[in-house]
Amino acid sequence: MSKKVIIIVAAVSVLLIGAMGAGFFVIWSKVSNMATIPPTEQAADEKVAEEAEAKTTIGPIFSLESFVVNLNEDSGKRYLRVTMDLELSTEALSGEITKRLPQVRNSMLMILPSKKYEEISTIEGKNKLRDEIVVALNEFLQSGTVSNLYFSEFVVQ
């Protein structure tokens, strides 16, 4: 064999061994960093996992009947038909809401007709309406809170 071929084979071998060594070093440093995560980061990761699990689990649901209200429009021709489900913090709150159903319906009938089409036609508007209703309901509930409100029907005509 010629000296050129021997030099080329040796250079390729050295480069290959160097690349393997660098790859091994990178993998080794990643594995050793994973094993030595500080406790504060582990606690933060566990907390994030718990919050994600809490978001996927849903509390007791109380379904309300549909509401049909006129919207606050000059022409008076637009109306809103909405059906909502309340997510409760505790199962015991379901009994309290049943007893306070006139107050719940009154709160809805005070909030919904005060809205204009432009306010509730966007996702942000619906979210704001949802938050406003939840706050209004939680003001008079005593044995728990409404955690969330879900629109199961939302029709504006």
C-alpha atoms as a PDB file:
ATOM      1  CA  MET A   1       0.000   0.000   0.000  1.00  0.00           C
ATOM      2  CA  SER A   2       1.052   3.485  -0.602  1.00  0.00           C
ATOM      3  CA  LYS A   3       1.804   5.983   2.122  1.00  0.00           C
ATOM      4  CA  LYS A   4      -1.132   8.165   0.992  1.00  0.00           C
ATOM      5  CA  VAL A   5      -3.688   5.420   1.637  1.00  0.00           C
ATOM      6  CA  ILE A   6      -2.181   4.649   5.056  1.00  0.00           C
ATOM      7  CA  ILE A   7      -2.303   8.347   6.040  1.00  0.00           C
ATOM      8  CA  ILE A   8      -5.919   8.707   4.853  1.00  0.00           C
ATOM      9  CA  VAL A   9      -7.036   5.564   6.744  1.00  0.00           C
ATOM     10  CA  ALA A  10      -5.229   6.759   9.887  1.00  0.00           C
ATOM     11  CA  ALA A  11      -6.790  10.245   9.649  1.00  0.00           C
ATOM     12  CA  VAL A  12     -10.298   8.814   9.156  1.00  0.00           C
ATOM     13  CA  SER A  13      -9.759   6.463  12.119  1.00  0.00           C
ATOM     14  CA  VAL A  14      -8.598   9.310  14.368  1.00  0.00           C
ATOM     15  CA  LEU A  15     -11.585  11.461  13.334  1.00  0.00           C
ATOM     16  CA  LEU A  16     -14.017   8.581  13.915  1.00  0.00           C
ATOM     17  CA  ILE A  17     -12.588   7.822  17.352  1.00  0.00           C
ATOM     18  CA  GLY A  18     -12.689  11.542  18.239  1.00  0.00           C
ATOM     19  CA  ALA A  19     -16.341  11.845  17.127  1.00  0.00           C
ATOM     20  CA  MET A  20     -17.296   8.780  19.175  1.00  0.00           C
ATOM     21  CA  GLY A  21     -15.506  10.190  22.214  1.00  0.00           C
ATOM     22  CA  ALA A  22     -17.246  13.562  21.855  1.00  0.00           C
ATOM     23  CA  GLY A  23     -20.625  11.851  21.490  1.00  0.00           C
ATOM     24  CA  PHE A  24     -19.968   9.722  24.570  1.00  0.00           C
ATOM     25  CA  PHE A  25     -18.959  12.839  26.535  1.00  0.00           C
ATOM     26  CA  VAL A  26     -22.150  14.712  25.568  1.00  0.00           C
ATOM     27  CA  ILE A  27     -24.386  11.758  26.460  1.00  0.00           C
ATOM     28  CA  TRP A  28     -22.544  11.180  29.738  1.00  0.00           C
ATOM     29  CA  SER A  29     -22.879  14.839  30.785  1.00  0.00           C
ATOM     30  CA  LYS A  30     -26.641  14.837  29.989  1.00  0.00           C
ATOM     31  CA  VAL A  31     -27.215  11.632  31.999  1.00  0.00           C
ATOM     32  CA  SER A  32     -25.213  12.867  34.978  1.00  0.00           C
ATOM     33  CA  ASN A  33     -27.116  16.208  34.980  1.00  0.00           C
ATOM     34  CA  MET A  34     -30.438  14.385  34.995  1.00  0.00           C
ATOM     35  CA  ALA A  35     -29.411  12.344  38.009  1.00  0.00           C
ATOM     36  CA  THR A  36     -28.406  15.428  39.993  1.00  0.00           C
ATOM     37  CA  ILE A  37     -31.484  17.667  39.631  1.00  0.00           C
ATOM     38  CA  PRO A  38     -31.644  19.882  42.712  1.00  0.00           C
ATOM     39  CA  PRO A  39     -34.565  19.166  45.090  1.00  0.00           C
ATOM     40  CA  THR A  40     -36.141  22.560  44.359  1.00  0.00           C
ATOM     41  CA  GLU A  41     -36.369  21.721  40.663  1.00  0.00           C
ATOM     42  CA  GLN A  42     -37.790  18.281  41.487  1.00  0.00           C
ATOM     43  CA  ALA A  43     -40.415  19.881  43.731  1.00  0.00           C
ATOM     44  CA  ALA A  44     -41.268  22.379  41.006  1.00  0.00           C
ATOM     45  CA  ASP A  45     -41.600  19.567  38.459  1.00  0.00           C
ATOM     46  CA  GLU A  46     -43.872  17.637  40.844  1.00  0.00           C
ATOM     47  CA  LYS A  47     -45.987  20.745  41.435  1.00  0.00           C
ATOM     48  CA  VAL A  48     -46.385  21.296  37.677  1.00  0.00           C
ATOM     49  CA  ALA A  49     -47.424  17.651  37.292  1.00  0.00           C
ATOM     50  CA  GLU A  50     -49.990  18.015  40.111  1.00  0.00           C
ATOM     51  CA  GLU A  51     -51.403  21.182  38.537  1.00  0.00           C
ATOM     52  CA  ALA A  52     -51.698  19.430  35.179  1.00  0.00           C
ATOM     53  CA  GLU A  53     -53.516  16.555  36.863  1.00  0.00           C
ATOM     54  CA  ALA A  54     -55.822  18.993  38.666  1.00  0.00           C
ATOM     55  CA  LYS A  55     -56.705  20.585  35.331  1.00  0.00           C
ATOM     56  CA  THR A  56     -57.624  17.216  33.854  1.00  0.00           C
ATOM     57  CA  THR A  57     -59.792  16.145  36.792  1.00  0.00           C
ATOM     58  CA  ILE A  58     -63.139  17.850  36.901  1.00  0.00           C
ATOM     59  CA  GLY A  59     -65.249  18.538  39.967  1.00  0.00           C
ATOM     60  CA  PRO A  60     -68.945  17.821  40.429  1.00  0.00           C
ATOM     61  CA  ILE A  61     -71.131  19.361  37.707  1.00  0.00           C
ATOM     62  CA  PHE A  62     -74.448  21.167  38.233  1.00  0.00           C
ATOM     63  CA  SER A  63     -76.385  21.742  35.005  1.00  0.00           C
ATOM     64  CA  LEU A  64     -78.584  24.803  34.672  1.00  0.00           C
ATOM     65  CA  GLU A  65     -81.591  25.155  32.434  1.00  0.00           C
ATOM     66  CA  SER A  66     -81.296  27.270  29.300  1.00  0.00           C
ATOM     67  CA  PHE A  67     -81.615  31.032  29.519  1.00  0.00           C
ATOM     68  CA  VAL A  68     -83.137  33.082  26.717  1.00  0.00           C
ATOM     69  CA  VAL A  69     -82.614  36.837  27.076  1.00  0.00           C
ATOM     70  CA  ASN A  70     -82.699  39.913  24.887  1.00  0.00           C
ATOM     71  CA  LEU A  71     -79.319  41.508  24.422  1.00  0.00           C
ATOM     72  CA  ASN A  72     -78.680  45.159  25.211  1.00  0.00           C
ATOM     73  CA  GLU A  73     -79.108  46.413  21.640  1.00  0.00           C
ATOM     74  CA  ASP A  74     -80.780  49.567  20.314  1.00  0.00           C
ATOM     75  CA  SER A  75     -82.874  47.584  17.851  1.00  0.00           C
ATOM     76  CA  GLY A  76     -83.910  45.025  20.498  1.00  0.00           C
ATOM     77  CA  LYS A  77     -83.895  42.277  17.869  1.00  0.00           C
ATOM     78  CA  ARG A  78     -80.939  40.212  19.092  1.00  0.00           C
ATOM     79  CA  TYR A  79     -81.299  37.583  21.747  1.00  0.00           C
ATOM     80  CA  LEU A  80     -79.043  35.100  23.482  1.00  0.00           C
ATOM     81  CA  ARG A  81     -79.877  31.493  24.279  1.00  0.00           C
ATOM     82  CA  VAL A  82     -77.299  29.966  26.594  1.00  0.00           C
ATOM     83  CA  THR A  83     -77.064  26.731  28.554  1.00  0.00           C
ATOM     84  CA  MET A  84     -74.418  26.433  31.239  1.00  0.00           C
ATOM     85  CA  ASP A  85     -72.899  23.792  33.486  1.00  0.00           C
ATOM     86  CA  LEU A  86     -71.266  24.786  36.761  1.00  0.00           C
ATOM     87  CA  GLU A  87     -68.191  22.966  38.031  1.00  0.00           C
ATOM     88  CA  LEU A  88     -68.381  22.882  41.824  1.00  0.00           C
ATOM     89  CA  SER A  89     -65.595  22.659  44.379  1.00  0.00           C
ATOM     90  CA  THR A  90     -67.518  20.122  46.506  1.00  0.00           C
ATOM     91  CA  GLU A  91     -70.428  17.758  46.025  1.00  0.00           C
ATOM     92  CA  ALA A  92     -72.196  19.382  49.020  1.00  0.00           C
ATOM     93  CA  LEU A  93     -72.451  22.640  47.082  1.00  0.00           C
ATOM     94  CA  SER A  94     -74.941  21.011  44.721  1.00  0.00           C
ATOM     95  CA  GLY A  95     -77.582  21.033  47.483  1.00  0.00           C
ATOM     96  CA  GLU A  96     -76.916  24.679  48.306  1.00  0.00           C
ATOM     97  CA  ILE A  97     -77.238  25.694  44.644  1.00  0.00           C
ATOM     98  CA  THR A  98     -80.544  23.827  44.430  1.00  0.00           C
ATOM     99  CA  LYS A  99     -81.809  25.780  47.461  1.00  0.00           C
ATOM    100  CA  ARG A 100     -80.462  29.058  46.068  1.00  0.00           C
ATOM    101  CA  LEU A 101     -81.620  28.467  42.494  1.00  0.00           C
ATOM    102  CA  PRO A 102     -83.753  31.655  42.509  1.00  0.00           C
ATOM    103  CA  GLN A 103     -80.624  33.666  43.429  1.00  0.00           C
ATOM    104  CA  VAL A 104     -78.581  31.860  40.766  1.00  0.00           C
ATOM    105  CA  ARG A 105     -81.191  32.518  38.087  1.00  0.00           C
ATOM    106  CA  ASN A 106     -81.527  36.144  39.226  1.00  0.00           C
ATOM    107  CA  SER A 107     -77.767  36.656  38.924  1.00  0.00           C
ATOM    108  CA  MET A 108     -77.810  35.220  35.413  1.00  0.00           C
ATOM    109  CA  LEU A 109     -80.801  37.339  34.415  1.00  0.00           C
ATOM    110  CA  MET A 110     -79.100  40.485  35.678  1.00  0.00           C
ATOM    111  CA  ILE A 111     -75.798  39.820  33.894  1.00  0.00           C
ATOM    112  CA  LEU A 112     -76.814  38.284  30.547  1.00  0.00           C
ATOM    113  CA  PRO A 113     -79.259  40.961  29.275  1.00  0.00           C
ATOM    114  CA  SER A 114     -76.773  43.727  30.089  1.00  0.00           C
ATOM    115  CA  LYS A 115     -74.372  42.480  27.397  1.00  0.00           C
ATOM    116  CA  LYS A 116     -74.115  43.739  23.847  1.00  0.00           C
ATOM    117  CA  TYR A 117     -73.479  41.442  20.914  1.00  0.00           C
ATOM    118  CA  GLU A 118     -70.039  42.990  20.347  1.00  0.00           C
ATOM    119  CA  GLU A 119     -69.032  42.151  23.940  1.00  0.00           C
ATOM    120  CA  ILE A 120     -69.874  38.448  23.763  1.00  0.00           C
ATOM    121  CA  SER A 121     -69.192  37.611  20.119  1.00  0.00           C
ATOM    122  CA  THR A 122     -65.472  36.931  20.658  1.00  0.00           C
ATOM    123  CA  ILE A 123     -63.719  34.226  22.661  1.00  0.00           C
ATOM    124  CA  GLU A 124     -62.306  36.898  24.990  1.00  0.00           C
ATOM    125  CA  GLY A 125     -65.815  38.267  25.511  1.00  0.00           C
ATOM    126  CA  LYS A 126     -67.175  34.833  26.381  1.00  0.00           C
ATOM    127  CA  ASN A 127     -64.306  34.246  28.806  1.00  0.00           C
ATOM    128  CA  LYS A 128     -64.965  37.619  30.452  1.00  0.00           C
ATOM    129  CA  LEU A 129     -68.675  36.769  30.725  1.00  0.00           C
ATOM    130  CA  ARG A 130     -67.800  33.387  32.247  1.00  0.00           C
ATOM    131  CA  ASP A 131     -65.554  35.027  34.842  1.00  0.00           C
ATOM    132  CA  GLU A 132     -68.179  37.649  35.676  1.00  0.00           C
ATOM    133  CA  ILE A 133     -70.828  34.985  36.266  1.00  0.00           C
ATOM    134  CA  VAL A 134     -68.524  32.846  38.428  1.00  0.00           C
ATOM    135  CA  VAL A 135     -67.640  35.855  40.605  1.00  0.00           C
ATOM    136  CA  ALA A 136     -71.314  36.808  40.970  1.00  0.00           C
ATOM    137  CA  LEU A 137     -72.299  33.280  42.024  1.00  0.00           C
ATOM    138  CA  ASN A 138     -69.426  32.867  44.465  1.00  0.00           C
ATOM    139  CA  GLU A 139     -70.465  36.065  46.273  1.00  0.00           C
ATOM    140  CA  PHE A 140     -73.468  34.386  47.907  1.00  0.00           C
ATOM    141  CA  LEU A 141     -72.415  30.713  48.074  1.00  0.00           C
ATOM    142  CA  GLN A 142     -71.266  29.563  51.503  1.00  0.00           C
ATOM    143  CA  SER A 143     -70.456  25.829  51.438  1.00  0.00           C
ATOM    144  CA  GLY A 144     -68.039  25.999  48.508  1.00  0.00           C
ATOM    145  CA  THR A 145     -67.304  27.782  45.275  1.00  0.00           C
ATOM    146  CA  VAL A 146     -68.026  27.517  41.586  1.00  0.00           C
ATOM    147  CA  SER A 147     -64.655  26.486  40.149  1.00  0.00           C
ATOM    148  CA  ASN A 148     -65.552  26.926  36.512  1.00  0.00           C
ATOM    149  CA  LEU A 149     -68.451  27.494  34.181  1.00  0.00           C
ATOM    150  CA  TYR A 150     -68.925  25.684  30.888  1.00  0.00           C
ATOM    151  CA  PHE A 151     -71.144  26.899  28.079  1.00  0.00           C
ATOM    152  CA  SER A 152     -72.854  23.875  26.563  1.00  0.00           C
ATOM    153  CA  GLU A 153     -74.960  26.083  24.262  1.00  0.00           C
ATOM    154  CA  PHE A 154     -74.317  29.663  23.217  1.00  0.00           C
ATOM    155  CA  VAL A 155     -76.533  30.984  20.429  1.00  0.00           C
ATOM    156  CA  VAL A 156     -76.922  34.652  19.481  1.00  0.00           C
ATOM    157  CA  GLN A 157     -79.537  35.535  16.938  1.00  0.00           C
END
